[in-house]
Amino acid sequence: MTERFSSYTPPISPDLRRKYEMALDGELRWQGGWQSSDKEESDLDHVKAIFDIHDEISFRYPALFSEVDSEEAPHMIYLHDGGEIGGLDLSHSVLNYDEIRKKTKKRERATFRLLTRMYIDDIELREYARQIYKRFEKKSPDDKTANYVQLIDKVQATRFGAVFVFPGRKLRTHDARNQQINHAFGLFVGPAKRLLPLLGREAQGELMEFMDQELSRFRSSGYRAPEVDFYRKLMGDVLQLETTSA
């Protein structure tokens, strides 16, 4: 297994790490939905790309990074899709997504508990891994780490999707492109709103800039400037309102 993360080494044996990462590499994303991807992406590719975004934030948004780079954040990034092993990744464009998601999430949680019981002998480490996974799944409004990791999880998926799954060249109408930007906005706004009040002023400003830049990326993927700018302004207004009410 040659895939490694530039800034993270998990606190497990090399053999368990190899097995876990090979399992993640065997789980393909973007399956079963009506939007197919022009490029294969595994859960391992996804996790590595989230670490790249985390590293990117460290030098582009230092105030934000200083507040979110807790000890738990890298562990949460590494573990957050562990429950999908066994073919449980669910594409957002699958039919009856909301109905299927509830059942899938229940199976994911059970799968993660089973895997930790089977492969982690150290009781304290096993419980710590389960706690980290549960925090990501629960996403308490005051959990800075969980909301941050959820946000960059969605950012990575949207970055990849805008280039390989739903680029503007594939979507010939304004309504189709608008639907995708609206979906991205919906993915971003929840964790961003929860994270913002937990940050200091400088970090808040950097988070707002980060969100604006992420929505701006749609322009380089073939989306029209007015389509993108509407959601950039909406995101700015929503987050500015959150800072004044905090």
C-alpha atoms as a PDB file:
ATOM      1  CA  MET A   1       0.000   0.000   0.000  1.00  0.00           C
ATOM      2  CA  THR A   2       1.705   3.186  -1.158  1.00  0.00           C
ATOM      3  CA  GLU A   3      -0.999   5.705  -0.311  1.00  0.00           C
ATOM      4  CA  ARG A   4       0.007   7.878   2.642  1.00  0.00           C
ATOM      5  CA  PHE A   5      -1.087  11.137   4.186  1.00  0.00           C
ATOM      6  CA  SER A   6       1.395  13.981   4.312  1.00  0.00           C
ATOM      7  CA  SER A   7       0.601  15.173   7.821  1.00  0.00           C
ATOM      8  CA  TYR A   8      -0.838  12.192   9.692  1.00  0.00           C
ATOM      9  CA  THR A   9       0.182   8.824  11.079  1.00  0.00           C
ATOM     10  CA  PRO A  10      -2.620   6.874  12.805  1.00  0.00           C
ATOM     11  CA  PRO A  11      -1.874   5.351  16.231  1.00  0.00           C
ATOM     12  CA  ILE A  12      -2.268   1.758  15.010  1.00  0.00           C
ATOM     13  CA  SER A  13       0.068  -0.972  13.811  1.00  0.00           C
ATOM     14  CA  PRO A  14       1.429  -0.829  10.237  1.00  0.00           C
ATOM     15  CA  ASP A  15      -0.397  -4.062   9.450  1.00  0.00           C
ATOM     16  CA  LEU A  16      -3.773  -2.758  10.638  1.00  0.00           C
ATOM     17  CA  ARG A  17      -3.182   0.492   8.806  1.00  0.00           C
ATOM     18  CA  ARG A  18      -2.475  -1.405   5.586  1.00  0.00           C
ATOM     19  CA  LYS A  19      -5.647  -3.483   5.963  1.00  0.00           C
ATOM     20  CA  TYR A  20      -7.823  -0.466   6.765  1.00  0.00           C
ATOM     21  CA  GLU A  21      -6.522   1.634   3.909  1.00  0.00           C
ATOM     22  CA  MET A  22      -6.808  -1.256   1.446  1.00  0.00           C
ATOM     23  CA  ALA A  23     -10.438  -1.666   2.551  1.00  0.00           C
ATOM     24  CA  LEU A  24     -11.096   2.052   2.037  1.00  0.00           C
ATOM     25  CA  ASP A  25      -9.403   1.852  -1.359  1.00  0.00           C
ATOM     26  CA  GLY A  26     -11.805  -0.909  -2.334  1.00  0.00           C
ATOM     27  CA  GLU A  27     -14.892   1.245  -1.712  1.00  0.00           C
ATOM     28  CA  LEU A  28     -15.825   3.322  -4.763  1.00  0.00           C
ATOM     29  CA  ARG A  29     -17.792   6.529  -4.378  1.00  0.00           C
ATOM     30  CA  TRP A  30     -20.453   8.003  -6.693  1.00  0.00           C
ATOM     31  CA  GLN A  31     -22.041   4.597  -7.278  1.00  0.00           C
ATOM     32  CA  GLY A  32     -25.717   3.920  -7.895  1.00  0.00           C
ATOM     33  CA  GLY A  33     -26.815   7.488  -8.581  1.00  0.00           C
ATOM     34  CA  TRP A  34     -27.986   9.056 -11.819  1.00  0.00           C
ATOM     35  CA  GLN A  35     -24.807  11.166 -12.011  1.00  0.00           C
ATOM     36  CA  SER A  36     -21.828   9.007 -12.984  1.00  0.00           C
ATOM     37  CA  SER A  37     -18.248  10.140 -12.452  1.00  0.00           C
ATOM     38  CA  ASP A  38     -15.701  10.580 -15.246  1.00  0.00           C
ATOM     39  CA  LYS A  39     -13.012   9.424 -12.808  1.00  0.00           C
ATOM     40  CA  GLU A  40     -12.991   6.679 -10.206  1.00  0.00           C
ATOM     41  CA  GLU A  41     -12.727   7.845  -6.610  1.00  0.00           C
ATOM     42  CA  SER A  42     -12.352   5.497  -3.656  1.00  0.00           C
ATOM     43  CA  ASP A  43     -12.990   6.274  -0.005  1.00  0.00           C
ATOM     44  CA  LEU A  44      -9.218   6.301   0.450  1.00  0.00           C
ATOM     45  CA  ASP A  45      -8.850   8.928  -2.312  1.00  0.00           C
ATOM     46  CA  HIS A  46     -11.557  10.929  -0.563  1.00  0.00           C
ATOM     47  CA  VAL A  47      -9.864  10.747   2.852  1.00  0.00           C
ATOM     48  CA  LYS A  48      -6.484  11.698   1.399  1.00  0.00           C
ATOM     49  CA  ALA A  49      -8.036  14.683  -0.386  1.00  0.00           C
ATOM     50  CA  ILE A  50      -9.644  15.859   2.884  1.00  0.00           C
ATOM     51  CA  PHE A  51      -6.219  15.774   4.531  1.00  0.00           C
ATOM     52  CA  ASP A  52      -4.939  17.873   1.621  1.00  0.00           C
ATOM     53  CA  ILE A  53      -7.677  20.454   2.280  1.00  0.00           C
ATOM     54  CA  HIS A  54      -6.832  20.421   6.001  1.00  0.00           C
ATOM     55  CA  ASP A  55      -3.182  21.107   5.092  1.00  0.00           C
ATOM     56  CA  GLU A  56      -4.261  23.799   2.617  1.00  0.00           C
ATOM     57  CA  ILE A  57      -6.219  25.573   5.343  1.00  0.00           C
ATOM     58  CA  SER A  58      -3.116  25.514   7.555  1.00  0.00           C
ATOM     59  CA  PHE A  59      -1.276  27.965   5.286  1.00  0.00           C
ATOM     60  CA  ARG A  60      -4.151  29.838   3.620  1.00  0.00           C
ATOM     61  CA  TYR A  61      -6.245  30.426   6.754  1.00  0.00           C
ATOM     62  CA  PRO A  62      -3.902  30.252   9.771  1.00  0.00           C
ATOM     63  CA  ALA A  63      -6.337  31.735  12.303  1.00  0.00           C
ATOM     64  CA  LEU A  64      -9.030  29.243  11.336  1.00  0.00           C
ATOM     65  CA  PHE A  65      -6.549  26.366  11.358  1.00  0.00           C
ATOM     66  CA  SER A  66      -5.234  27.290  14.798  1.00  0.00           C
ATOM     67  CA  GLU A  67      -8.749  26.902  16.205  1.00  0.00           C
ATOM     68  CA  VAL A  68      -9.800  23.694  14.438  1.00  0.00           C
ATOM     69  CA  ASP A  69      -6.577  21.666  14.368  1.00  0.00           C
ATOM     70  CA  SER A  70      -7.334  19.790  17.554  1.00  0.00           C
ATOM     71  CA  GLU A  71      -5.761  16.432  18.310  1.00  0.00           C
ATOM     72  CA  GLU A  72      -9.002  14.752  17.302  1.00  0.00           C
ATOM     73  CA  ALA A  73      -9.463  16.374  13.861  1.00  0.00           C
ATOM     74  CA  PRO A  74      -6.971  14.170  11.950  1.00  0.00           C
ATOM     75  CA  HIS A  75      -8.270  11.036  13.691  1.00  0.00           C
ATOM     76  CA  MET A  76     -11.821  11.986  12.720  1.00  0.00           C
ATOM     77  CA  ILE A  77     -10.845  12.592   9.096  1.00  0.00           C
ATOM     78  CA  TYR A  78      -9.149   9.203   8.977  1.00  0.00           C
ATOM     79  CA  LEU A  79     -12.033   7.275  10.556  1.00  0.00           C
ATOM     80  CA  HIS A  80     -15.150   9.079   9.370  1.00  0.00           C
ATOM     81  CA  ASP A  81     -15.898   6.743   6.437  1.00  0.00           C
ATOM     82  CA  GLY A  82     -14.830   3.520   8.156  1.00  0.00           C
ATOM     83  CA  GLY A  83     -18.427   2.420   8.484  1.00  0.00           C
ATOM     84  CA  GLU A  84     -18.828   2.422   4.680  1.00  0.00           C
ATOM     85  CA  ILE A  85     -16.539  -0.590   4.300  1.00  0.00           C
ATOM     86  CA  GLY A  86     -18.600  -3.344   2.765  1.00  0.00           C
ATOM     87  CA  GLY A  87     -20.248  -1.282   0.024  1.00  0.00           C
ATOM     88  CA  LEU A  88     -22.253   1.188   2.097  1.00  0.00           C
ATOM     89  CA  ASP A  89     -21.257   4.483   0.452  1.00  0.00           C
ATOM     90  CA  LEU A  90     -24.460   6.205  -0.654  1.00  0.00           C
ATOM     91  CA  SER A  91     -24.570   8.657  -3.553  1.00  0.00           C
ATOM     92  CA  HIS A  92     -26.711  11.762  -2.990  1.00  0.00           C
ATOM     93  CA  SER A  93     -28.281  11.298  -6.420  1.00  0.00           C
ATOM     94  CA  VAL A  94     -29.576   7.789  -5.713  1.00  0.00           C
ATOM     95  CA  LEU A  95     -33.348   7.460  -5.902  1.00  0.00           C
ATOM     96  CA  ASN A  96     -35.159   7.758  -2.539  1.00  0.00           C
ATOM     97  CA  TYR A  97     -31.955   9.011  -0.915  1.00  0.00           C
ATOM     98  CA  ASP A  98     -33.540  10.299   2.307  1.00  0.00           C
ATOM     99  CA  GLU A  99     -35.406   7.063   2.896  1.00  0.00           C
ATOM    100  CA  ILE A 100     -32.420   4.825   2.152  1.00  0.00           C
ATOM    101  CA  ARG A 101     -29.985   6.984   4.126  1.00  0.00           C
ATOM    102  CA  LYS A 102     -31.543   6.196   7.505  1.00  0.00           C
ATOM    103  CA  LYS A 103     -31.118   2.463   7.019  1.00  0.00           C
ATOM    104  CA  THR A 104     -27.648   2.853   5.540  1.00  0.00           C
ATOM    105  CA  LYS A 105     -26.416   5.002   8.427  1.00  0.00           C
ATOM    106  CA  LYS A 106     -27.637   2.421  10.927  1.00  0.00           C
ATOM    107  CA  ARG A 107     -25.709  -0.292   9.078  1.00  0.00           C
ATOM    108  CA  GLU A 108     -22.614   1.934   8.891  1.00  0.00           C
ATOM    109  CA  ARG A 109     -22.580   2.432  12.664  1.00  0.00           C
ATOM    110  CA  ALA A 110     -22.968  -1.306  13.228  1.00  0.00           C
ATOM    111  CA  THR A 111     -20.205  -2.035  10.729  1.00  0.00           C
ATOM    112  CA  PHE A 112     -17.788   0.333  12.431  1.00  0.00           C
ATOM    113  CA  ARG A 113     -18.440  -1.227  15.835  1.00  0.00           C
ATOM    114  CA  LEU A 114     -17.908  -4.691  14.367  1.00  0.00           C
ATOM    115  CA  LEU A 115     -14.650  -3.714  12.684  1.00  0.00           C
ATOM    116  CA  THR A 116     -13.261  -2.121  15.828  1.00  0.00           C
ATOM    117  CA  ARG A 117     -14.201  -5.207  17.849  1.00  0.00           C
ATOM    118  CA  MET A 118     -12.559  -7.519  15.320  1.00  0.00           C
ATOM    119  CA  TYR A 119      -9.338  -5.610  14.698  1.00  0.00           C
ATOM    120  CA  ILE A 120      -8.515  -3.365  17.684  1.00  0.00           C
ATOM    121  CA  ASP A 121      -7.449  -5.420  20.690  1.00  0.00           C
ATOM    122  CA  ASP A 122      -6.520  -2.439  22.870  1.00  0.00           C
ATOM    123  CA  ILE A 123      -9.751  -1.667  24.736  1.00  0.00           C
ATOM    124  CA  GLU A 124      -8.930   2.005  25.346  1.00  0.00           C
ATOM    125  CA  LEU A 125      -7.959   2.584  21.710  1.00  0.00           C
ATOM    126  CA  ARG A 126     -11.094   0.767  20.532  1.00  0.00           C
ATOM    127  CA  GLU A 127     -13.357   2.957  22.674  1.00  0.00           C
ATOM    128  CA  TYR A 128     -11.487   6.096  21.620  1.00  0.00           C
ATOM    129  CA  ALA A 129     -11.973   5.233  17.928  1.00  0.00           C
ATOM    130  CA  ARG A 130     -15.672   4.612  18.532  1.00  0.00           C
ATOM    131  CA  GLN A 131     -16.003   7.913  20.389  1.00  0.00           C
ATOM    132  CA  ILE A 132     -14.362   9.827  17.542  1.00  0.00           C
ATOM    133  CA  TYR A 133     -16.602   8.127  14.964  1.00  0.00           C
ATOM    134  CA  LYS A 134     -19.730   8.741  17.044  1.00  0.00           C
ATOM    135  CA  ARG A 135     -18.912  12.442  17.413  1.00  0.00           C
ATOM    136  CA  PHE A 136     -18.691  12.803  13.642  1.00  0.00           C
ATOM    137  CA  GLU A 137     -21.966  10.983  13.136  1.00  0.00           C
ATOM    138  CA  LYS A 138     -23.761  12.920  15.892  1.00  0.00           C
ATOM    139  CA  LYS A 139     -22.319  16.368  15.025  1.00  0.00           C
ATOM    140  CA  SER A 140     -23.357  18.203  18.161  1.00  0.00           C
ATOM    141  CA  PRO A 141     -23.834  21.952  17.443  1.00  0.00           C
ATOM    142  CA  ASP A 142     -21.092  22.866  19.930  1.00  0.00           C
ATOM    143  CA  ASP A 143     -18.556  20.283  18.697  1.00  0.00           C
ATOM    144  CA  LYS A 144     -16.066  22.434  16.798  1.00  0.00           C
ATOM    145  CA  THR A 145     -14.057  19.482  15.515  1.00  0.00           C
ATOM    146  CA  ALA A 146     -17.010  17.461  14.212  1.00  0.00           C
ATOM    147  CA  ASN A 147     -18.551  20.416  12.389  1.00  0.00           C
ATOM    148  CA  TYR A 148     -15.204  21.397  10.887  1.00  0.00           C
ATOM    149  CA  VAL A 149     -14.518  17.877   9.629  1.00  0.00           C
ATOM    150  CA  GLN A 150     -18.034  17.609   8.225  1.00  0.00           C
ATOM    151  CA  LEU A 151     -17.512  20.895   6.397  1.00  0.00           C
ATOM    152  CA  ILE A 152     -14.241  19.899   4.717  1.00  0.00           C
ATOM    153  CA  ASP A 153     -15.750  16.464   3.985  1.00  0.00           C
ATOM    154  CA  LYS A 154     -18.481  18.208   1.982  1.00  0.00           C
ATOM    155  CA  VAL A 155     -15.997  20.643   0.439  1.00  0.00           C
ATOM    156  CA  GLN A 156     -13.918  17.752  -0.901  1.00  0.00           C
ATOM    157  CA  ALA A 157     -16.950  15.974  -2.336  1.00  0.00           C
ATOM    158  CA  THR A 158     -18.148  19.160  -4.010  1.00  0.00           C
ATOM    159  CA  ARG A 159     -14.714  19.969  -5.443  1.00  0.00           C
ATOM    160  CA  PHE A 160     -14.438  16.503  -6.959  1.00  0.00           C
ATOM    161  CA  GLY A 161     -18.032  16.481  -8.146  1.00  0.00           C
ATOM    162  CA  ALA A 162     -17.815  19.859  -9.869  1.00  0.00           C
ATOM    163  CA  VAL A 163     -14.894  18.628 -11.964  1.00  0.00           C
ATOM    164  CA  PHE A 164     -15.695  14.969 -12.622  1.00  0.00           C
ATOM    165  CA  VAL A 165     -19.393  14.331 -11.908  1.00  0.00           C
ATOM    166  CA  PHE A 166     -21.447  17.446 -12.674  1.00  0.00           C
ATOM    167  CA  PRO A 167     -19.207  19.957 -14.500  1.00  0.00           C
ATOM    168  CA  GLY A 168     -20.968  22.765 -16.321  1.00  0.00           C
ATOM    169  CA  ARG A 169     -20.222  21.212 -19.718  1.00  0.00           C
ATOM    170  CA  LYS A 170     -22.480  18.274 -18.798  1.00  0.00           C
ATOM    171  CA  LEU A 171     -25.321  20.450 -17.576  1.00  0.00           C
ATOM    172  CA  ARG A 172     -26.721  22.341 -20.543  1.00  0.00           C
ATOM    173  CA  THR A 173     -29.454  24.330 -18.806  1.00  0.00           C
ATOM    174  CA  HIS A 174     -29.502  27.017 -16.140  1.00  0.00           C
ATOM    175  CA  ASP A 175     -31.914  24.958 -14.029  1.00  0.00           C
ATOM    176  CA  ALA A 176     -29.600  21.931 -14.022  1.00  0.00           C
ATOM    177  CA  ARG A 177     -26.555  24.000 -13.057  1.00  0.00           C
ATOM    178  CA  ASN A 178     -28.513  25.938 -10.462  1.00  0.00           C
ATOM    179  CA  GLN A 179     -29.701  22.694  -8.884  1.00  0.00           C
ATOM    180  CA  GLN A 180     -26.107  21.580  -8.349  1.00  0.00           C
ATOM    181  CA  ILE A 181     -24.916  24.884  -6.876  1.00  0.00           C
ATOM    182  CA  ASN A 182     -27.973  24.927  -4.634  1.00  0.00           C
ATOM    183  CA  HIS A 183     -27.109  21.414  -3.477  1.00  0.00           C
ATOM    184  CA  ALA A 184     -23.527  22.458  -2.686  1.00  0.00           C
ATOM    185  CA  PHE A 185     -24.794  25.493  -0.800  1.00  0.00           C
ATOM    186  CA  GLY A 186     -27.052  23.225   1.239  1.00  0.00           C
ATOM    187  CA  LEU A 187     -24.141  20.921   2.081  1.00  0.00           C
ATOM    188  CA  PHE A 188     -21.918  23.821   3.169  1.00  0.00           C
ATOM    189  CA  VAL A 189     -24.289  26.096   5.031  1.00  0.00           C
ATOM    190  CA  GLY A 190     -25.235  23.782   7.921  1.00  0.00           C
ATOM    191  CA  PRO A 191     -21.738  22.958   9.225  1.00  0.00           C
ATOM    192  CA  ALA A 192     -20.501  26.477   8.417  1.00  0.00           C
ATOM    193  CA  LYS A 193     -23.315  28.051  10.470  1.00  0.00           C
ATOM    194  CA  ARG A 194     -22.638  25.712  13.383  1.00  0.00           C
ATOM    195  CA  LEU A 195     -18.892  26.262  13.254  1.00  0.00           C
ATOM    196  CA  LEU A 196     -18.898  30.047  12.905  1.00  0.00           C
ATOM    197  CA  PRO A 197     -20.140  30.996  16.434  1.00  0.00           C
ATOM    198  CA  LEU A 198     -17.513  28.691  17.965  1.00  0.00           C
ATOM    199  CA  LEU A 199     -14.660  30.710  16.418  1.00  0.00           C
ATOM    200  CA  GLY A 200     -12.888  33.945  17.249  1.00  0.00           C
ATOM    201  CA  ARG A 201     -13.389  36.990  15.029  1.00  0.00           C
ATOM    202  CA  GLU A 202     -10.314  36.513  12.850  1.00  0.00           C
ATOM    203  CA  ALA A 203     -11.093  32.838  12.300  1.00  0.00           C
ATOM    204  CA  GLN A 204     -14.703  33.737  11.483  1.00  0.00           C
ATOM    205  CA  GLY A 205     -13.521  36.079   8.747  1.00  0.00           C
ATOM    206  CA  GLU A 206     -11.286  33.377   7.298  1.00  0.00           C
ATOM    207  CA  LEU A 207     -14.108  30.838   7.357  1.00  0.00           C
ATOM    208  CA  MET A 208     -16.351  33.246   5.446  1.00  0.00           C
ATOM    209  CA  GLU A 209     -13.587  33.795   2.889  1.00  0.00           C
ATOM    210  CA  PHE A 210     -13.079  30.034   2.598  1.00  0.00           C
ATOM    211  CA  MET A 211     -16.779  29.483   1.891  1.00  0.00           C
ATOM    212  CA  ASP A 212     -16.805  32.241  -0.711  1.00  0.00           C
ATOM    213  CA  GLN A 213     -13.806  30.715  -2.472  1.00  0.00           C
ATOM    214  CA  GLU A 214     -15.343  27.253  -2.498  1.00  0.00           C
ATOM    215  CA  LEU A 215     -18.512  28.479  -4.175  1.00  0.00           C
ATOM    216  CA  SER A 216     -16.394  30.533  -6.606  1.00  0.00           C
ATOM    217  CA  ARG A 217     -14.781  27.313  -7.822  1.00  0.00           C
ATOM    218  CA  PHE A 218     -17.940  26.500  -9.755  1.00  0.00           C
ATOM    219  CA  ARG A 219     -17.008  29.203 -12.273  1.00  0.00           C
ATOM    220  CA  SER A 220     -13.864  27.315 -13.277  1.00  0.00           C
ATOM    221  CA  SER A 221     -16.028  24.217 -13.784  1.00  0.00           C
ATOM    222  CA  GLY A 222     -18.192  25.812 -16.451  1.00  0.00           C
ATOM    223  CA  TYR A 223     -20.927  27.450 -14.372  1.00  0.00           C
ATOM    224  CA  ARG A 224     -22.088  30.978 -15.226  1.00  0.00           C
ATOM    225  CA  ALA A 225     -20.955  33.923 -13.104  1.00  0.00           C
ATOM    226  CA  PRO A 226     -24.501  35.102 -12.170  1.00  0.00           C
ATOM    227  CA  GLU A 227     -25.450  31.544 -11.134  1.00  0.00           C
ATOM    228  CA  VAL A 228     -22.444  31.294  -8.845  1.00  0.00           C
ATOM    229  CA  ASP A 229     -22.519  34.850  -7.515  1.00  0.00           C
ATOM    230  CA  PHE A 230     -26.114  34.504  -6.297  1.00  0.00           C
ATOM    231  CA  TYR A 231     -25.057  31.735  -3.883  1.00  0.00           C
ATOM    232  CA  ARG A 232     -21.846  33.502  -2.927  1.00  0.00           C
ATOM    233  CA  LYS A 233     -23.895  36.490  -1.804  1.00  0.00           C
ATOM    234  CA  LEU A 234     -26.446  34.288  -0.079  1.00  0.00           C
ATOM    235  CA  MET A 235     -23.698  32.462   1.827  1.00  0.00           C
ATOM    236  CA  GLY A 236     -22.133  35.782   2.854  1.00  0.00           C
ATOM    237  CA  ASP A 237     -25.474  37.114   4.071  1.00  0.00           C
ATOM    238  CA  VAL A 238     -26.279  33.948   6.037  1.00  0.00           C
ATOM    239  CA  LEU A 239     -22.895  33.808   7.748  1.00  0.00           C
ATOM    240  CA  GLN A 240     -22.808  37.550   8.439  1.00  0.00           C
ATOM    241  CA  LEU A 241     -26.194  37.236  10.119  1.00  0.00           C
ATOM    242  CA  GLU A 242     -24.799  34.379  12.201  1.00  0.00           C
ATOM    243  CA  THR A 243     -21.892  36.518  13.424  1.00  0.00           C
ATOM    244  CA  THR A 244     -24.155  39.423  14.435  1.00  0.00           C
ATOM    245  CA  SER A 245     -26.582  37.163  16.315  1.00  0.00           C
ATOM    246  CA  ALA A 246     -23.885  35.178  18.118  1.00  0.00           C
END
